[in-house]
Amino acid sequence: MTAPVTATRPTATEHDQRLQALRGISRQLPTGVAVITGAYGDAVHGATVSTASVLSQQPLRLGISLRHGSYLTKLVQQRAIFVVNVLSCRQAAVADWFADPERPRGLRQFDYVPWTAHEQTGIPVLDGTLAHITCRLTNVIPLGTSDDLLVAEVLEGHGRNGRPLINFNGQLHDVEFRSVIRPGRRQASAVTLLE
């Protein structure tokens, strides 16, 4: 007769170390950097995210992860319309500014950043971005205890050529685009090389 096998639970320290290691690995996934802007009545706010991505092509839906209960999350839920400002490689200072918890609240946080008001909504649209995408909130999905996934329909957008600002391994990077030849393909496709 063999002894029963009992599973041992990892200690809190082991669990924390494992989570920290997994978070470090997840930072190896390069992501674009954007500033989400929203306005409702006299309230205006912006915040830097590296979690905006296309969730669906048909219908076109974006997803953005924001901290549960944050000022911007509440503002977006009240208005249901917001703008995703996709930052260019020259806008690292803008990303840092809108990530700074000590920046002023309200319209004053836009004093040092060139912007124009969206024609229909009045929401700040940052100048010099690669793109700005106006979205309508369609769903909020709680993710654990700290974050919400905001799912949004794309209403309109404007873009220009340029290089994006990328978050990789917890740092902001410029990128260089080079075409690569892939065996079995007729034409090259763009690949992002991180510096």
C-alpha atoms as a PDB file:
ATOM      1  CA  MET A   1       0.000   0.000   0.000  1.00  0.00           C
ATOM      2  CA  THR A   2       1.315   3.424  -0.920  1.00  0.00           C
ATOM      3  CA  ALA A   3       0.973   6.523   1.186  1.00  0.00           C
ATOM      4  CA  PRO A   4      -1.573   9.081  -0.024  1.00  0.00           C
ATOM      5  CA  VAL A   5      -0.134  12.019  -1.889  1.00  0.00           C
ATOM      6  CA  THR A   6      -0.982  15.347  -0.356  1.00  0.00           C
ATOM      7  CA  ALA A   7      -0.479  18.595  -2.176  1.00  0.00           C
ATOM      8  CA  THR A   8       1.428  21.217  -0.295  1.00  0.00           C
ATOM      9  CA  ARG A   9       0.385  24.786  -0.683  1.00  0.00           C
ATOM     10  CA  PRO A  10       3.090  27.310  -1.401  1.00  0.00           C
ATOM     11  CA  THR A  11       3.841  29.700   1.416  1.00  0.00           C
ATOM     12  CA  ALA A  12       2.793  33.325   1.096  1.00  0.00           C
ATOM     13  CA  THR A  13       6.404  34.268   0.372  1.00  0.00           C
ATOM     14  CA  GLU A  14       6.710  31.627  -2.366  1.00  0.00           C
ATOM     15  CA  HIS A  15       3.402  32.760  -3.853  1.00  0.00           C
ATOM     16  CA  ASP A  16       4.514  36.418  -3.858  1.00  0.00           C
ATOM     17  CA  GLN A  17       7.852  35.490  -5.432  1.00  0.00           C
ATOM     18  CA  ARG A  18       6.105  33.495  -8.155  1.00  0.00           C
ATOM     19  CA  LEU A  19       3.705  36.371  -8.890  1.00  0.00           C
ATOM     20  CA  GLN A  20       6.598  38.826  -9.042  1.00  0.00           C
ATOM     21  CA  ALA A  21       8.460  36.541 -11.468  1.00  0.00           C
ATOM     22  CA  LEU A  22       5.370  36.171 -13.672  1.00  0.00           C
ATOM     23  CA  ARG A  23       4.838  39.941 -13.707  1.00  0.00           C
ATOM     24  CA  GLY A  24       8.453  40.349 -14.815  1.00  0.00           C
ATOM     25  CA  ILE A  25       7.915  37.864 -17.637  1.00  0.00           C
ATOM     26  CA  SER A  26       4.704  39.632 -18.709  1.00  0.00           C
ATOM     27  CA  ARG A  27       6.663  42.887 -19.096  1.00  0.00           C
ATOM     28  CA  GLN A  28       8.487  41.203 -21.993  1.00  0.00           C
ATOM     29  CA  LEU A  29       5.334  41.669 -24.071  1.00  0.00           C
ATOM     30  CA  PRO A  30       5.782  44.971 -25.967  1.00  0.00           C
ATOM     31  CA  THR A  31       2.741  47.248 -25.909  1.00  0.00           C
ATOM     32  CA  GLY A  32       1.865  50.604 -27.388  1.00  0.00           C
ATOM     33  CA  VAL A  33       1.455  53.592 -25.079  1.00  0.00           C
ATOM     34  CA  ALA A  34      -1.619  55.823 -25.148  1.00  0.00           C
ATOM     35  CA  VAL A  35      -3.252  58.543 -23.082  1.00  0.00           C
ATOM     36  CA  ILE A  36      -6.964  58.021 -22.467  1.00  0.00           C
ATOM     37  CA  THR A  37      -8.853  61.308 -22.152  1.00  0.00           C
ATOM     38  CA  GLY A  38     -12.383  61.843 -20.967  1.00  0.00           C
ATOM     39  CA  ALA A  39     -14.710  64.657 -19.951  1.00  0.00           C
ATOM     40  CA  TYR A  40     -18.105  64.863 -18.291  1.00  0.00           C
ATOM     41  CA  GLY A  41     -19.585  68.221 -17.360  1.00  0.00           C
ATOM     42  CA  ASP A  42     -16.771  70.246 -15.789  1.00  0.00           C
ATOM     43  CA  ALA A  43     -14.712  67.123 -15.038  1.00  0.00           C
ATOM     44  CA  VAL A  44     -11.772  66.438 -17.393  1.00  0.00           C
ATOM     45  CA  HIS A  45      -9.046  63.826 -16.980  1.00  0.00           C
ATOM     46  CA  GLY A  46      -6.298  61.943 -18.791  1.00  0.00           C
ATOM     47  CA  ALA A  47      -4.218  58.903 -17.895  1.00  0.00           C
ATOM     48  CA  THR A  48      -1.379  56.975 -19.506  1.00  0.00           C
ATOM     49  CA  VAL A  49      -2.043  53.323 -20.342  1.00  0.00           C
ATOM     50  CA  SER A  50      -0.133  50.571 -22.072  1.00  0.00           C
ATOM     51  CA  THR A  51      -3.142  48.272 -22.096  1.00  0.00           C
ATOM     52  CA  ALA A  52      -5.143  49.529 -25.098  1.00  0.00           C
ATOM     53  CA  SER A  53      -5.589  46.923 -27.806  1.00  0.00           C
ATOM     54  CA  VAL A  54      -7.941  45.789 -30.546  1.00  0.00           C
ATOM     55  CA  LEU A  55     -10.274  43.110 -29.188  1.00  0.00           C
ATOM     56  CA  SER A  56     -12.385  42.570 -32.295  1.00  0.00           C
ATOM     57  CA  GLN A  57     -12.225  43.607 -35.950  1.00  0.00           C
ATOM     58  CA  GLN A  58     -15.900  42.995 -36.743  1.00  0.00           C
ATOM     59  CA  PRO A  59     -17.394  44.891 -35.003  1.00  0.00           C
ATOM     60  CA  LEU A  60     -14.356  47.042 -34.295  1.00  0.00           C
ATOM     61  CA  ARG A  61     -13.830  47.021 -30.515  1.00  0.00           C
ATOM     62  CA  LEU A  62     -10.966  48.214 -28.334  1.00  0.00           C
ATOM     63  CA  GLY A  63     -10.160  47.073 -24.835  1.00  0.00           C
ATOM     64  CA  ILE A  64      -8.463  49.146 -22.150  1.00  0.00           C
ATOM     65  CA  SER A  65      -7.599  47.975 -18.664  1.00  0.00           C
ATOM     66  CA  LEU A  66      -7.987  50.682 -16.010  1.00  0.00           C
ATOM     67  CA  ARG A  67      -7.713  50.555 -12.243  1.00  0.00           C
ATOM     68  CA  HIS A  68     -11.075  49.717 -10.678  1.00  0.00           C
ATOM     69  CA  GLY A  69     -12.671  52.801  -9.152  1.00  0.00           C
ATOM     70  CA  SER A  70     -10.085  55.211 -10.575  1.00  0.00           C
ATOM     71  CA  TYR A  71     -11.156  58.743 -11.409  1.00  0.00           C
ATOM     72  CA  LEU A  72     -10.854  58.064 -15.161  1.00  0.00           C
ATOM     73  CA  THR A  73     -12.786  54.793 -14.932  1.00  0.00           C
ATOM     74  CA  LYS A  74     -15.664  56.585 -13.195  1.00  0.00           C
ATOM     75  CA  LEU A  75     -15.540  59.497 -15.659  1.00  0.00           C
ATOM     76  CA  VAL A  76     -15.633  57.183 -18.694  1.00  0.00           C
ATOM     77  CA  GLN A  77     -18.530  55.235 -17.194  1.00  0.00           C
ATOM     78  CA  GLN A  78     -20.501  58.468 -16.648  1.00  0.00           C
ATOM     79  CA  ARG A  79     -19.970  59.861 -20.161  1.00  0.00           C
ATOM     80  CA  ALA A  80     -19.481  56.580 -22.072  1.00  0.00           C
ATOM     81  CA  ILE A  81     -17.381  58.464 -24.667  1.00  0.00           C
ATOM     82  CA  PHE A  82     -13.596  58.808 -24.481  1.00  0.00           C
ATOM     83  CA  VAL A  83     -10.548  59.307 -26.697  1.00  0.00           C
ATOM     84  CA  VAL A  84      -7.536  57.004 -27.066  1.00  0.00           C
ATOM     85  CA  ASN A  85      -4.515  59.191 -27.950  1.00  0.00           C
ATOM     86  CA  VAL A  86      -1.836  56.858 -29.411  1.00  0.00           C
ATOM     87  CA  LEU A  87       1.535  58.382 -28.498  1.00  0.00           C
ATOM     88  CA  SER A  88       4.441  58.794 -30.907  1.00  0.00           C
ATOM     89  CA  CYS A  89       8.031  57.975 -30.003  1.00  0.00           C
ATOM     90  CA  ARG A  90       8.592  61.698 -29.367  1.00  0.00           C
ATOM     91  CA  GLN A  91       5.976  61.826 -26.597  1.00  0.00           C
ATOM     92  CA  ALA A  92       7.639  59.973 -23.709  1.00  0.00           C
ATOM     93  CA  ALA A  93       7.372  63.146 -21.594  1.00  0.00           C
ATOM     94  CA  VAL A  94       3.611  63.225 -22.267  1.00  0.00           C
ATOM     95  CA  ALA A  95       3.342  59.586 -21.148  1.00  0.00           C
ATOM     96  CA  ASP A  96       5.297  60.377 -17.980  1.00  0.00           C
ATOM     97  CA  TRP A  97       3.176  63.466 -17.264  1.00  0.00           C
ATOM     98  CA  PHE A  98      -0.170  61.667 -17.482  1.00  0.00           C
ATOM     99  CA  ALA A  99       1.221  58.806 -15.354  1.00  0.00           C
ATOM    100  CA  ASP A 100       2.326  61.177 -12.571  1.00  0.00           C
ATOM    101  CA  PRO A 101      -0.100  60.939  -9.629  1.00  0.00           C
ATOM    102  CA  GLU A 102       1.089  64.380  -8.425  1.00  0.00           C
ATOM    103  CA  ARG A 103      -0.042  66.261 -11.566  1.00  0.00           C
ATOM    104  CA  PRO A 104      -2.907  68.739 -11.111  1.00  0.00           C
ATOM    105  CA  ARG A 105      -6.475  67.520 -11.463  1.00  0.00           C
ATOM    106  CA  GLY A 106      -8.989  68.723 -13.997  1.00  0.00           C
ATOM    107  CA  LEU A 107      -8.188  70.988 -16.920  1.00  0.00           C
ATOM    108  CA  ARG A 108      -4.936  72.194 -15.300  1.00  0.00           C
ATOM    109  CA  GLN A 109      -3.290  68.844 -16.076  1.00  0.00           C
ATOM    110  CA  PHE A 110      -3.517  69.806 -19.762  1.00  0.00           C
ATOM    111  CA  ASP A 111      -1.746  73.179 -19.307  1.00  0.00           C
ATOM    112  CA  TYR A 112       1.660  71.852 -20.423  1.00  0.00           C
ATOM    113  CA  VAL A 113       0.437  69.596 -23.234  1.00  0.00           C
ATOM    114  CA  PRO A 114      -0.812  70.965 -26.576  1.00  0.00           C
ATOM    115  CA  TRP A 115      -4.348  69.768 -27.282  1.00  0.00           C
ATOM    116  CA  THR A 116      -7.607  70.685 -28.955  1.00  0.00           C
ATOM    117  CA  ALA A 117     -11.160  69.967 -27.886  1.00  0.00           C
ATOM    118  CA  HIS A 118     -12.979  67.290 -29.869  1.00  0.00           C
ATOM    119  CA  GLU A 119     -15.571  69.068 -32.018  1.00  0.00           C
ATOM    120  CA  GLN A 120     -18.610  67.098 -30.833  1.00  0.00           C
ATOM    121  CA  THR A 121     -17.633  66.037 -27.314  1.00  0.00           C
ATOM    122  CA  GLY A 122     -15.175  68.646 -26.025  1.00  0.00           C
ATOM    123  CA  ILE A 123     -12.892  65.820 -24.836  1.00  0.00           C
ATOM    124  CA  PRO A 124      -9.187  66.773 -25.059  1.00  0.00           C
ATOM    125  CA  VAL A 125      -7.429  65.385 -28.138  1.00  0.00           C
ATOM    126  CA  LEU A 126      -3.651  65.571 -27.708  1.00  0.00           C
ATOM    127  CA  ASP A 127      -1.601  67.161 -30.495  1.00  0.00           C
ATOM    128  CA  GLY A 128       1.280  65.313 -32.150  1.00  0.00           C
ATOM    129  CA  THR A 129      -0.053  61.807 -31.553  1.00  0.00           C
ATOM    130  CA  LEU A 130       0.135  59.003 -34.104  1.00  0.00           C
ATOM    131  CA  ALA A 131      -3.611  58.585 -33.850  1.00  0.00           C
ATOM    132  CA  HIS A 132      -6.614  59.539 -31.830  1.00  0.00           C
ATOM    133  CA  ILE A 133      -9.562  57.189 -31.651  1.00  0.00           C
ATOM    134  CA  THR A 134     -12.957  58.220 -30.318  1.00  0.00           C
ATOM    135  CA  CYS A 135     -14.748  55.358 -28.570  1.00  0.00           C
ATOM    136  CA  ARG A 136     -18.094  54.585 -26.954  1.00  0.00           C
ATOM    137  CA  LEU A 137     -18.057  52.369 -23.882  1.00  0.00           C
ATOM    138  CA  THR A 138     -20.101  49.196 -24.426  1.00  0.00           C
ATOM    139  CA  ASN A 139     -19.127  47.015 -21.474  1.00  0.00           C
ATOM    140  CA  VAL A 140     -17.092  46.979 -18.264  1.00  0.00           C
ATOM    141  CA  ILE A 141     -15.708  43.630 -17.141  1.00  0.00           C
ATOM    142  CA  PRO A 142     -14.175  43.365 -13.646  1.00  0.00           C
ATOM    143  CA  LEU A 143     -10.730  41.734 -13.723  1.00  0.00           C
ATOM    144  CA  GLY A 144      -9.898  40.414 -10.297  1.00  0.00           C
ATOM    145  CA  THR A 145     -10.037  42.932  -7.475  1.00  0.00           C
ATOM    146  CA  SER A 146      -7.971  45.779  -8.904  1.00  0.00           C
ATOM    147  CA  ASP A 147      -8.760  46.334 -12.592  1.00  0.00           C
ATOM    148  CA  ASP A 148     -11.637  46.703 -15.027  1.00  0.00           C
ATOM    149  CA  LEU A 149     -11.573  45.892 -18.735  1.00  0.00           C
ATOM    150  CA  LEU A 150     -13.365  48.642 -20.618  1.00  0.00           C
ATOM    151  CA  VAL A 151     -14.724  47.375 -23.934  1.00  0.00           C
ATOM    152  CA  ALA A 152     -15.512  50.124 -26.424  1.00  0.00           C
ATOM    153  CA  GLU A 153     -16.888  50.563 -29.922  1.00  0.00           C
ATOM    154  CA  VAL A 154     -14.693  52.635 -32.239  1.00  0.00           C
ATOM    155  CA  LEU A 155     -16.698  55.620 -33.503  1.00  0.00           C
ATOM    156  CA  GLU A 156     -14.041  57.533 -35.451  1.00  0.00           C
ATOM    157  CA  GLY A 157     -10.328  58.005 -35.703  1.00  0.00           C
ATOM    158  CA  HIS A 158      -7.552  59.965 -37.363  1.00  0.00           C
ATOM    159  CA  GLY A 159      -3.972  58.840 -37.834  1.00  0.00           C
ATOM    160  CA  ARG A 160      -0.665  59.819 -39.373  1.00  0.00           C
ATOM    161  CA  ASN A 161       2.632  58.162 -40.204  1.00  0.00           C
ATOM    162  CA  GLY A 162       5.305  57.917 -37.570  1.00  0.00           C
ATOM    163  CA  ARG A 163       6.887  55.660 -34.996  1.00  0.00           C
ATOM    164  CA  PRO A 164       4.991  54.600 -31.875  1.00  0.00           C
ATOM    165  CA  LEU A 165       6.056  54.865 -28.265  1.00  0.00           C
ATOM    166  CA  ILE A 166       6.446  51.339 -26.900  1.00  0.00           C
ATOM    167  CA  ASN A 167       6.451  50.010 -23.337  1.00  0.00           C
ATOM    168  CA  PHE A 168       8.837  47.073 -23.025  1.00  0.00           C
ATOM    169  CA  ASN A 169      10.174  45.609 -19.795  1.00  0.00           C
ATOM    170  CA  GLY A 170       8.823  48.551 -17.803  1.00  0.00           C
ATOM    171  CA  GLN A 171      10.641  51.159 -19.917  1.00  0.00           C
ATOM    172  CA  LEU A 172       9.543  53.422 -22.778  1.00  0.00           C
ATOM    173  CA  HIS A 173      11.200  52.861 -26.158  1.00  0.00           C
ATOM    174  CA  ASP A 174      11.368  54.263 -29.663  1.00  0.00           C
ATOM    175  CA  VAL A 175      11.168  51.638 -32.406  1.00  0.00           C
ATOM    176  CA  GLU A 176      12.565  51.233 -35.884  1.00  0.00           C
ATOM    177  CA  PHE A 177      10.584  49.465 -38.595  1.00  0.00           C
ATOM    178  CA  ARG A 178      12.414  47.181 -41.005  1.00  0.00           C
ATOM    179  CA  SER A 179      10.960  44.783 -43.517  1.00  0.00           C
ATOM    180  CA  VAL A 180      12.028  41.185 -43.194  1.00  0.00           C
ATOM    181  CA  ILE A 181      11.785  38.393 -45.712  1.00  0.00           C
ATOM    182  CA  ARG A 182       9.943  35.347 -44.474  1.00  0.00           C
ATOM    183  CA  PRO A 183      10.345  32.064 -46.357  1.00  0.00           C
ATOM    184  CA  GLY A 184       7.222  31.072 -48.256  1.00  0.00           C
ATOM    185  CA  ARG A 185       5.869  34.614 -48.380  1.00  0.00           C
ATOM    186  CA  ARG A 186       5.687  36.730 -51.519  1.00  0.00           C
ATOM    187  CA  GLN A 187       6.270  40.048 -49.823  1.00  0.00           C
ATOM    188  CA  ALA A 188       7.923  41.294 -46.689  1.00  0.00           C
ATOM    189  CA  SER A 189       5.992  42.249 -43.599  1.00  0.00           C
ATOM    190  CA  ALA A 190       6.826  44.908 -41.044  1.00  0.00           C
ATOM    191  CA  VAL A 191       8.604  43.833 -37.893  1.00  0.00           C
ATOM    192  CA  THR A 192       9.280  46.093 -34.944  1.00  0.00           C
ATOM    193  CA  LEU A 193      12.834  46.064 -33.624  1.00  0.00           C
ATOM    194  CA  LEU A 194      13.308  47.497 -30.176  1.00  0.00           C
ATOM    195  CA  GLU A 195      16.379  49.605 -29.541  1.00  0.00           C
END
